Amino acid sequence: MRAKSRQSAVTLTEMTVVIAAVALLTVFGLPAVRAFIDSFQSQAGARAMIGATLASARAIAAREQHSVGIRFQKAYHHEGPLKAPQYMIFIIHDKPNTELANGFRAVEGMKPIKLPDSFGVMDLKVVQRTGFRGNVECKDDRINMDSEINGPAEVNDTTTFSVIFSPSGKLVKHRVETSNRDGIRQPRNLNDSRDEVFNSPENIVDNKTGMFIQDDYFNGSPPDLGYGPELSRNSFIIYDRIKFKEAYNRGRAYRECLEYLEEIYINPYTGTLINR
């Protein structure tokens, strides 16, 4: 006599318990998943994005036979730099149009590239600038636990820097001063400059023309906004913007958020990113 086959089934109660357990695991697991994704985007993804942009700048330098680079800078934001998104801007050395020996303007036809909101980039330096336009002396002061980062101008300063390549594709140390393409110092209206990338706070706010404040606003009147000439860089750090904002508001931005971050260097011959 053939044995009867035994059938197993899940009761409604058991199924309800399983569904509830999966739902709880999903809810409580989401923060960990988001943290993992954010960590990936702020490290591997950030490096890949920056590396590809630097490679494009090297190619443009070879094509145009001019010094070309990437400018890291926050867009103007009425609530200050902690709220402002950061971009990578293609810049080219152009003495005739900027009327500056070390003047750079935005590369035509190349849109600024927005960095993801989860992370930012810094050179960890605040520049002390003295003198007048055309004869400005610059001295780098590296941020540390004693100096910290004090005020919006210093946030602007350390998140605003340039990486420059020569026409041969070699990383170079170049004095950089960004300007609008019309060569106008601190333009007041659209008759002065209609540059849609670098412009004055007045044109950006009042005339909705421009995204980034040009290097005319430091040491004196108008108030120091942290934008002025400086030497190009060969290294930077990638930091968590949320952690930085929280630490900055406590006056401990460097020691709580920046001190132990690994500095990323740029190979002077290939333009690739390396660690030391």
C-alpha atoms as a PDB file:
ATOM      1  CA  MET A   1       0.000   0.000   0.000  1.00  0.00           C
ATOM      2  CA  ARG A   2       1.382   3.325  -1.143  1.00  0.00           C
ATOM      3  CA  ALA A   3       2.163   5.727   1.677  1.00  0.00           C
ATOM      4  CA  LYS A   4       0.320   8.970   1.647  1.00  0.00           C
ATOM      5  CA  SER A   5       2.444  11.966   0.693  1.00  0.00           C
ATOM      6  CA  ARG A   6       2.824  14.498   3.432  1.00  0.00           C
ATOM      7  CA  GLN A   7       2.182  18.108   2.506  1.00  0.00           C
ATOM      8  CA  SER A   8       3.541  21.073   4.428  1.00  0.00           C
ATOM      9  CA  ALA A   9       2.044  24.511   4.357  1.00  0.00           C
ATOM     10  CA  VAL A  10       2.580  27.911   5.922  1.00  0.00           C
ATOM     11  CA  THR A  11      -0.206  29.162   8.044  1.00  0.00           C
ATOM     12  CA  LEU A  12      -1.494  32.708   7.776  1.00  0.00           C
ATOM     13  CA  THR A  13      -0.032  33.500  11.195  1.00  0.00           C
ATOM     14  CA  GLU A  14       3.421  32.269  10.220  1.00  0.00           C
ATOM     15  CA  MET A  15       3.359  34.227   6.963  1.00  0.00           C
ATOM     16  CA  THR A  16       2.355  37.387   8.829  1.00  0.00           C
ATOM     17  CA  VAL A  17       5.288  36.951  11.219  1.00  0.00           C
ATOM     18  CA  VAL A  18       7.736  36.486   8.319  1.00  0.00           C
ATOM     19  CA  ILE A  19       6.460  39.556   6.471  1.00  0.00           C
ATOM     20  CA  ALA A  20       6.688  41.632   9.653  1.00  0.00           C
ATOM     21  CA  ALA A  21      10.246  40.446  10.288  1.00  0.00           C
ATOM     22  CA  VAL A  22      11.339  41.306   6.722  1.00  0.00           C
ATOM     23  CA  ALA A  23       9.723  44.723   7.036  1.00  0.00           C
ATOM     24  CA  LEU A  24      11.567  45.413  10.305  1.00  0.00           C
ATOM     25  CA  LEU A  25      14.907  44.285   8.856  1.00  0.00           C
ATOM     26  CA  THR A  26      14.328  46.489   5.840  1.00  0.00           C
ATOM     27  CA  VAL A  27      13.459  49.553   7.929  1.00  0.00           C
ATOM     28  CA  PHE A  28      16.341  49.175  10.369  1.00  0.00           C
ATOM     29  CA  GLY A  29      18.752  48.151   7.650  1.00  0.00           C
ATOM     30  CA  LEU A  30      18.156  51.184   5.421  1.00  0.00           C
ATOM     31  CA  PRO A  31      20.399  53.570   7.383  1.00  0.00           C
ATOM     32  CA  ALA A  32      23.264  51.105   7.118  1.00  0.00           C
ATOM     33  CA  VAL A  33      22.651  50.646   3.407  1.00  0.00           C
ATOM     34  CA  ARG A  34      22.508  54.416   2.864  1.00  0.00           C
ATOM     35  CA  ALA A  35      25.702  54.881   4.867  1.00  0.00           C
ATOM     36  CA  PHE A  36      27.438  52.233   2.776  1.00  0.00           C
ATOM     37  CA  ILE A  37      26.301  53.846  -0.485  1.00  0.00           C
ATOM     38  CA  ASP A  38      27.242  57.328   0.707  1.00  0.00           C
ATOM     39  CA  SER A  39      30.669  56.073   1.759  1.00  0.00           C
ATOM     40  CA  PHE A  40      31.216  54.563  -1.665  1.00  0.00           C
ATOM     41  CA  GLN A  41      30.084  57.720  -3.443  1.00  0.00           C
ATOM     42  CA  SER A  42      32.234  59.976  -1.296  1.00  0.00           C
ATOM     43  CA  GLN A  43      35.427  57.972  -1.780  1.00  0.00           C
ATOM     44  CA  ALA A  44      35.655  55.704  -4.814  1.00  0.00           C
ATOM     45  CA  GLY A  45      33.059  57.641  -6.790  1.00  0.00           C
ATOM     46  CA  ALA A  46      34.598  60.999  -5.879  1.00  0.00           C
ATOM     47  CA  ARG A  47      38.081  59.938  -6.893  1.00  0.00           C
ATOM     48  CA  ALA A  48      36.840  58.539 -10.195  1.00  0.00           C
ATOM     49  CA  MET A  49      34.907  61.720 -11.001  1.00  0.00           C
ATOM     50  CA  ILE A  50      37.810  64.008 -10.104  1.00  0.00           C
ATOM     51  CA  GLY A  51      40.343  61.839 -11.918  1.00  0.00           C
ATOM     52  CA  ALA A  52      38.286  61.840 -15.127  1.00  0.00           C
ATOM     53  CA  THR A  53      37.852  65.627 -14.968  1.00  0.00           C
ATOM     54  CA  LEU A  54      41.598  66.179 -14.494  1.00  0.00           C
ATOM     55  CA  ALA A  55      42.279  63.938 -17.486  1.00  0.00           C
ATOM     56  CA  SER A  56      39.918  66.066 -19.585  1.00  0.00           C
ATOM     57  CA  ALA A  57      41.744  69.231 -18.495  1.00  0.00           C
ATOM     58  CA  ARG A  58      45.090  67.740 -19.585  1.00  0.00           C
ATOM     59  CA  ALA A  59      43.617  66.909 -22.980  1.00  0.00           C
ATOM     60  CA  ILE A  60      42.287  70.459 -23.421  1.00  0.00           C
ATOM     61  CA  ALA A  61      45.702  71.903 -22.468  1.00  0.00           C
ATOM     62  CA  ALA A  62      47.353  69.820 -25.200  1.00  0.00           C
ATOM     63  CA  ARG A  63      44.698  70.779 -27.749  1.00  0.00           C
ATOM     64  CA  GLU A  64      44.675  74.510 -26.982  1.00  0.00           C
ATOM     65  CA  GLN A  65      48.420  74.781 -26.251  1.00  0.00           C
ATOM     66  CA  HIS A  66      47.691  76.861 -23.171  1.00  0.00           C
ATOM     67  CA  SER A  67      47.839  76.172 -19.453  1.00  0.00           C
ATOM     68  CA  VAL A  68      44.502  74.629 -18.518  1.00  0.00           C
ATOM     69  CA  GLY A  69      43.202  73.351 -15.226  1.00  0.00           C
ATOM     70  CA  ILE A  70      40.350  72.531 -12.914  1.00  0.00           C
ATOM     71  CA  ARG A  71      39.053  75.065 -10.434  1.00  0.00           C
ATOM     72  CA  PHE A  72      37.331  73.682  -7.337  1.00  0.00           C
ATOM     73  CA  GLN A  73      34.915  76.318  -6.051  1.00  0.00           C
ATOM     74  CA  LYS A  74      31.539  76.658  -4.382  1.00  0.00           C
ATOM     75  CA  ALA A  75      28.773  78.415  -6.265  1.00  0.00           C
ATOM     76  CA  TYR A  76      27.432  81.597  -4.711  1.00  0.00           C
ATOM     77  CA  HIS A  77      24.688  80.892  -2.163  1.00  0.00           C
ATOM     78  CA  HIS A  78      22.796  83.568  -0.254  1.00  0.00           C
ATOM     79  CA  GLU A  79      22.962  81.502   2.953  1.00  0.00           C
ATOM     80  CA  GLY A  80      26.738  81.140   2.815  1.00  0.00           C
ATOM     81  CA  PRO A  81      29.323  78.510   1.801  1.00  0.00           C
ATOM     82  CA  LEU A  82      28.089  75.758   4.111  1.00  0.00           C
ATOM     83  CA  LYS A  83      24.916  75.592   2.016  1.00  0.00           C
ATOM     84  CA  ALA A  84      26.582  76.127  -1.351  1.00  0.00           C
ATOM     85  CA  PRO A  85      27.238  73.241  -3.767  1.00  0.00           C
ATOM     86  CA  GLN A  86      30.812  72.749  -4.955  1.00  0.00           C
ATOM     87  CA  TYR A  87      31.806  72.461  -8.610  1.00  0.00           C
ATOM     88  CA  MET A  88      34.761  71.658 -10.828  1.00  0.00           C
ATOM     89  CA  ILE A  89      35.279  74.399 -13.422  1.00  0.00           C
ATOM     90  CA  PHE A  90      37.497  74.119 -16.496  1.00  0.00           C
ATOM     91  CA  ILE A  91      39.770  77.197 -16.637  1.00  0.00           C
ATOM     92  CA  ILE A  92      42.327  78.409 -19.192  1.00  0.00           C
ATOM     93  CA  HIS A  93      45.153  80.933 -18.958  1.00  0.00           C
ATOM     94  CA  ASP A  94      44.150  84.011 -20.977  1.00  0.00           C
ATOM     95  CA  LYS A  95      46.190  87.159 -20.362  1.00  0.00           C
ATOM     96  CA  PRO A  96      44.756  89.207 -23.283  1.00  0.00           C
ATOM     97  CA  ASN A  97      41.096  88.868 -22.269  1.00  0.00           C
ATOM     98  CA  THR A  98      41.455  88.918 -18.498  1.00  0.00           C
ATOM     99  CA  GLU A  99      44.122  91.669 -18.634  1.00  0.00           C
ATOM    100  CA  LEU A 100      46.022  89.809 -15.912  1.00  0.00           C
ATOM    101  CA  ALA A 101      49.468  88.240 -16.287  1.00  0.00           C
ATOM    102  CA  ASN A 102      48.223  85.159 -14.412  1.00  0.00           C
ATOM    103  CA  GLY A 103      44.580  85.543 -15.340  1.00  0.00           C
ATOM    104  CA  PHE A 104      42.404  82.500 -15.987  1.00  0.00           C
ATOM    105  CA  ARG A 105      38.844  82.419 -17.307  1.00  0.00           C
ATOM    106  CA  ALA A 106      36.340  79.635 -17.839  1.00  0.00           C
ATOM    107  CA  VAL A 107      36.883  77.434 -20.889  1.00  0.00           C
ATOM    108  CA  GLU A 108      34.150  78.215 -23.407  1.00  0.00           C
ATOM    109  CA  GLY A 109      31.740  75.382 -24.101  1.00  0.00           C
ATOM    110  CA  MET A 110      32.703  73.419 -20.964  1.00  0.00           C
ATOM    111  CA  LYS A 111      30.023  73.483 -18.275  1.00  0.00           C
ATOM    112  CA  PRO A 112      31.022  73.381 -14.590  1.00  0.00           C
ATOM    113  CA  ILE A 113      30.637  69.900 -13.106  1.00  0.00           C
ATOM    114  CA  LYS A 114      28.710  69.705  -9.831  1.00  0.00           C
ATOM    115  CA  LEU A 115      30.146  67.488  -7.119  1.00  0.00           C
ATOM    116  CA  PRO A 116      27.659  65.292  -5.200  1.00  0.00           C
ATOM    117  CA  ASP A 117      26.204  66.945  -2.098  1.00  0.00           C
ATOM    118  CA  SER A 118      27.503  64.218   0.219  1.00  0.00           C
ATOM    119  CA  PHE A 119      31.142  65.254   0.016  1.00  0.00           C
ATOM    120  CA  GLY A 120      33.411  68.230  -0.591  1.00  0.00           C
ATOM    121  CA  VAL A 121      37.023  68.890  -1.567  1.00  0.00           C
ATOM    122  CA  MET A 122      39.585  71.094   0.230  1.00  0.00           C
ATOM    123  CA  ASP A 123      43.244  72.038  -0.096  1.00  0.00           C
ATOM    124  CA  LEU A 124      43.479  72.578   3.705  1.00  0.00           C
ATOM    125  CA  LYS A 125      45.133  75.967   3.172  1.00  0.00           C
ATOM    126  CA  VAL A 126      44.090  79.536   3.911  1.00  0.00           C
ATOM    127  CA  VAL A 127      45.978  82.164   1.920  1.00  0.00           C
ATOM    128  CA  GLN A 128      47.204  85.395   3.475  1.00  0.00           C
ATOM    129  CA  ARG A 129      47.200  88.000   0.696  1.00  0.00           C
ATOM    130  CA  THR A 130      48.769  91.461   0.886  1.00  0.00           C
ATOM    131  CA  GLY A 131      49.149  94.237  -1.685  1.00  0.00           C
ATOM    132  CA  PHE A 132      47.110  95.425  -4.627  1.00  0.00           C
ATOM    133  CA  ARG A 133      45.889  93.774  -7.801  1.00  0.00           C
ATOM    134  CA  GLY A 134      48.820  92.990 -10.057  1.00  0.00           C
ATOM    135  CA  ASN A 135      51.242  93.090  -7.119  1.00  0.00           C
ATOM    136  CA  VAL A 136      49.736  90.725  -4.565  1.00  0.00           C
ATOM    137  CA  GLU A 137      51.925  88.588  -2.338  1.00  0.00           C
ATOM    138  CA  CYS A 138      50.462  85.250  -1.212  1.00  0.00           C
ATOM    139  CA  LYS A 139      51.470  83.153   1.771  1.00  0.00           C
ATOM    140  CA  ASP A 140      49.891  79.787   2.522  1.00  0.00           C
ATOM    141  CA  ASP A 141      48.841  78.958   6.074  1.00  0.00           C
ATOM    142  CA  ARG A 142      47.940  75.313   6.535  1.00  0.00           C
ATOM    143  CA  ILE A 143      44.906  74.730   8.689  1.00  0.00           C
ATOM    144  CA  ASN A 144      45.586  72.891  11.941  1.00  0.00           C
ATOM    145  CA  MET A 145      44.059  72.375  15.393  1.00  0.00           C
ATOM    146  CA  ASP A 146      45.275  75.756  16.594  1.00  0.00           C
ATOM    147  CA  SER A 147      44.039  77.787  13.642  1.00  0.00           C
ATOM    148  CA  GLU A 148      40.891  75.787  12.792  1.00  0.00           C
ATOM    149  CA  ILE A 149      38.565  77.305  10.144  1.00  0.00           C
ATOM    150  CA  ASN A 150      37.070  80.579  11.278  1.00  0.00           C
ATOM    151  CA  GLY A 151      34.289  82.208   9.305  1.00  0.00           C
ATOM    152  CA  PRO A 152      32.749  81.948   5.823  1.00  0.00           C
ATOM    153  CA  ALA A 153      35.741  83.603   4.099  1.00  0.00           C
ATOM    154  CA  GLU A 154      38.053  80.819   5.290  1.00  0.00           C
ATOM    155  CA  VAL A 155      35.562  78.140   4.228  1.00  0.00           C
ATOM    156  CA  ASN A 156      35.495  79.750   0.774  1.00  0.00           C
ATOM    157  CA  ASP A 157      39.279  79.973   0.718  1.00  0.00           C
ATOM    158  CA  THR A 158      40.099  76.363   1.539  1.00  0.00           C
ATOM    159  CA  THR A 159      37.354  74.973  -0.737  1.00  0.00           C
ATOM    160  CA  THR A 160      38.518  77.201  -3.624  1.00  0.00           C
ATOM    161  CA  PHE A 161      41.719  76.178  -5.387  1.00  0.00           C
ATOM    162  CA  SER A 162      43.031  75.187  -8.807  1.00  0.00           C
ATOM    163  CA  VAL A 163      45.020  72.353 -10.376  1.00  0.00           C
ATOM    164  CA  ILE A 164      46.905  73.443 -13.515  1.00  0.00           C
ATOM    165  CA  PHE A 165      48.476  71.507 -16.405  1.00  0.00           C
ATOM    166  CA  SER A 166      50.950  72.841 -18.960  1.00  0.00           C
ATOM    167  CA  PRO A 167      50.431  72.294 -22.721  1.00  0.00           C
ATOM    168  CA  SER A 168      52.706  69.257 -22.426  1.00  0.00           C
ATOM    169  CA  GLY A 169      50.341  67.711 -19.869  1.00  0.00           C
ATOM    170  CA  LYS A 170      52.624  68.183 -16.873  1.00  0.00           C
ATOM    171  CA  LEU A 171      51.268  69.353 -13.541  1.00  0.00           C
ATOM    172  CA  VAL A 172      52.713  72.808 -12.850  1.00  0.00           C
ATOM    173  CA  LYS A 173      52.792  75.328 -10.035  1.00  0.00           C
ATOM    174  CA  HIS A 174      51.148  78.396 -11.519  1.00  0.00           C
ATOM    175  CA  ARG A 175      49.883  81.579  -9.952  1.00  0.00           C
ATOM    176  CA  VAL A 176      46.134  81.725 -10.589  1.00  0.00           C
ATOM    177  CA  GLU A 177      43.672  84.613 -10.570  1.00  0.00           C
ATOM    178  CA  THR A 178      40.258  83.905 -12.050  1.00  0.00           C
ATOM    179  CA  SER A 179      38.336  86.628 -13.838  1.00  0.00           C
ATOM    180  CA  ASN A 180      35.398  87.139 -16.135  1.00  0.00           C
ATOM    181  CA  ARG A 181      36.142  86.866 -19.846  1.00  0.00           C
ATOM    182  CA  ASP A 182      35.720  90.645 -20.256  1.00  0.00           C
ATOM    183  CA  GLY A 183      38.651  91.540 -17.996  1.00  0.00           C
ATOM    184  CA  ILE A 184      36.560  93.816 -15.763  1.00  0.00           C
ATOM    185  CA  ARG A 185      37.486  94.161 -12.107  1.00  0.00           C
ATOM    186  CA  GLN A 186      34.468  93.791  -9.814  1.00  0.00           C
ATOM    187  CA  PRO A 187      31.832  94.330 -12.534  1.00  0.00           C
ATOM    188  CA  ARG A 188      28.781  96.240 -11.328  1.00  0.00           C
ATOM    189  CA  ASN A 189      26.223  95.441 -14.014  1.00  0.00           C
ATOM    190  CA  LEU A 190      25.645  93.562 -17.254  1.00  0.00           C
ATOM    191  CA  ASN A 191      27.269  96.351 -19.262  1.00  0.00           C
ATOM    192  CA  ASP A 192      30.544  95.441 -17.532  1.00  0.00           C
ATOM    193  CA  SER A 193      30.342  91.676 -17.941  1.00  0.00           C
ATOM    194  CA  ARG A 194      27.850  89.061 -19.080  1.00  0.00           C
ATOM    195  CA  ASP A 195      30.124  86.163 -18.176  1.00  0.00           C
ATOM    196  CA  GLU A 196      27.880  83.290 -17.063  1.00  0.00           C
ATOM    197  CA  VAL A 197      30.589  81.536 -15.054  1.00  0.00           C
ATOM    198  CA  PHE A 198      32.825  84.015 -13.165  1.00  0.00           C
ATOM    199  CA  ASN A 199      31.297  87.323 -12.172  1.00  0.00           C
ATOM    200  CA  SER A 200      30.641  89.688  -9.262  1.00  0.00           C
ATOM    201  CA  PRO A 201      28.225  89.114  -6.364  1.00  0.00           C
ATOM    202  CA  GLU A 202      26.123  91.991  -7.736  1.00  0.00           C
ATOM    203  CA  ASN A 203      25.691  90.428 -11.165  1.00  0.00           C
ATOM    204  CA  ILE A 204      25.130  86.972  -9.706  1.00  0.00           C
ATOM    205  CA  VAL A 205      22.444  88.150  -7.269  1.00  0.00           C
ATOM    206  CA  ASP A 206      20.814  91.101  -9.013  1.00  0.00           C
ATOM    207  CA  ASN A 207      21.179  90.118 -12.665  1.00  0.00           C
ATOM    208  CA  LYS A 208      21.242  86.305 -12.403  1.00  0.00           C
ATOM    209  CA  THR A 209      24.431  86.239 -14.484  1.00  0.00           C
ATOM    210  CA  GLY A 210      27.350  84.129 -13.308  1.00  0.00           C
ATOM    211  CA  MET A 211      27.699  81.326 -10.759  1.00  0.00           C
ATOM    212  CA  PHE A 212      31.074  81.858  -9.111  1.00  0.00           C
ATOM    213  CA  ILE A 213      32.626  84.960  -7.539  1.00  0.00           C
ATOM    214  CA  GLN A 214      35.811  85.966  -9.336  1.00  0.00           C
ATOM    215  CA  ASP A 215      39.130  86.576  -7.548  1.00  0.00           C
ATOM    216  CA  ASP A 216      38.623  90.257  -6.693  1.00  0.00           C
ATOM    217  CA  TYR A 217      37.231  89.963  -3.193  1.00  0.00           C
ATOM    218  CA  PHE A 218      39.874  89.721  -0.460  1.00  0.00           C
ATOM    219  CA  ASN A 219      41.725  91.848   2.099  1.00  0.00           C
ATOM    220  CA  GLY A 220      39.651  94.965   2.596  1.00  0.00           C
ATOM    221  CA  SER A 221      36.696  96.702   1.014  1.00  0.00           C
ATOM    222  CA  PRO A 222      34.442  95.169  -0.168  1.00  0.00           C
ATOM    223  CA  PRO A 223      34.463  92.666   2.720  1.00  0.00           C
ATOM    224  CA  ASP A 224      36.884  89.767   2.463  1.00  0.00           C
ATOM    225  CA  LEU A 225      34.995  86.882   0.837  1.00  0.00           C
ATOM    226  CA  GLY A 226      38.039  84.609   0.555  1.00  0.00           C
ATOM    227  CA  TYR A 227      38.504  84.932  -3.201  1.00  0.00           C
ATOM    228  CA  GLY A 228      41.919  86.057  -4.376  1.00  0.00           C
ATOM    229  CA  PRO A 229      45.059  84.977  -6.271  1.00  0.00           C
ATOM    230  CA  GLU A 230      47.021  81.955  -5.095  1.00  0.00           C
ATOM    231  CA  LEU A 231      49.342  79.238  -6.360  1.00  0.00           C
ATOM    232  CA  SER A 232      47.857  76.133  -7.926  1.00  0.00           C
ATOM    233  CA  ARG A 233      47.836  72.900  -5.901  1.00  0.00           C
ATOM    234  CA  ASN A 234      49.042  69.339  -6.257  1.00  0.00           C
ATOM    235  CA  SER A 235      46.964  67.695  -3.512  1.00  0.00           C
ATOM    236  CA  PHE A 236      43.621  67.831  -1.722  1.00  0.00           C
ATOM    237  CA  ILE A 237      41.356  65.956   0.683  1.00  0.00           C
ATOM    238  CA  ILE A 238      37.814  64.623   0.297  1.00  0.00           C
ATOM    239  CA  TYR A 239      35.590  65.233   3.320  1.00  0.00           C
ATOM    240  CA  ASP A 240      32.061  64.466   4.508  1.00  0.00           C
ATOM    241  CA  ARG A 241      30.015  67.669   4.200  1.00  0.00           C
ATOM    242  CA  ILE A 242      27.461  66.816   6.884  1.00  0.00           C
ATOM    243  CA  LYS A 243      30.136  65.934   9.459  1.00  0.00           C
ATOM    244  CA  PHE A 244      32.094  69.049   8.532  1.00  0.00           C
ATOM    245  CA  LYS A 245      29.107  71.343   9.003  1.00  0.00           C
ATOM    246  CA  GLU A 246      28.312  69.875  12.414  1.00  0.00           C
ATOM    247  CA  ALA A 247      31.945  70.148  13.567  1.00  0.00           C
ATOM    248  CA  TYR A 248      32.322  73.649  12.106  1.00  0.00           C
ATOM    249  CA  ASN A 249      29.321  74.874  14.094  1.00  0.00           C
ATOM    250  CA  ARG A 250      31.082  73.622  17.247  1.00  0.00           C
ATOM    251  CA  GLY A 251      34.315  75.376  16.267  1.00  0.00           C
ATOM    252  CA  ARG A 252      36.093  72.031  15.849  1.00  0.00           C
ATOM    253  CA  ALA A 253      36.030  71.451  12.101  1.00  0.00           C
ATOM    254  CA  TYR A 254      39.662  70.411  11.754  1.00  0.00           C
ATOM    255  CA  ARG A 255      40.105  68.225  14.843  1.00  0.00           C
ATOM    256  CA  GLU A 256      36.768  66.427  14.507  1.00  0.00           C
ATOM    257  CA  CYS A 257      36.405  66.095  10.747  1.00  0.00           C
ATOM    258  CA  LEU A 258      39.594  66.860   8.792  1.00  0.00           C
ATOM    259  CA  GLU A 259      42.662  65.978  10.853  1.00  0.00           C
ATOM    260  CA  TYR A 260      42.893  62.289  10.010  1.00  0.00           C
ATOM    261  CA  LEU A 261      41.724  62.371   6.398  1.00  0.00           C
ATOM    262  CA  GLU A 262      44.151  61.001   3.858  1.00  0.00           C
ATOM    263  CA  GLU A 263      45.675  63.579   1.541  1.00  0.00           C
ATOM    264  CA  ILE A 264      45.375  62.721  -2.154  1.00  0.00           C
ATOM    265  CA  TYR A 265      48.201  63.782  -4.481  1.00  0.00           C
ATOM    266  CA  ILE A 266      48.292  64.237  -8.237  1.00  0.00           C
ATOM    267  CA  ASN A 267      51.035  62.542 -10.234  1.00  0.00           C
ATOM    268  CA  PRO A 268      52.945  65.442 -11.865  1.00  0.00           C
ATOM    269  CA  TYR A 269      53.575  63.510 -15.088  1.00  0.00           C
ATOM    270  CA  THR A 270      50.358  61.551 -15.653  1.00  0.00           C
ATOM    271  CA  GLY A 271      47.762  63.615 -13.779  1.00  0.00           C
ATOM    272  CA  THR A 272      46.456  60.508 -12.011  1.00  0.00           C
ATOM    273  CA  LEU A 273      45.522  60.446  -8.323  1.00  0.00           C
ATOM    274  CA  ILE A 274      47.910  58.789  -5.865  1.00  0.00           C
ATOM    275  CA  ASN A 275      48.201  58.331  -2.096  1.00  0.00           C
ATOM    276  CA  ARG A 276      51.306  58.769   0.025  1.00  0.00           C
END
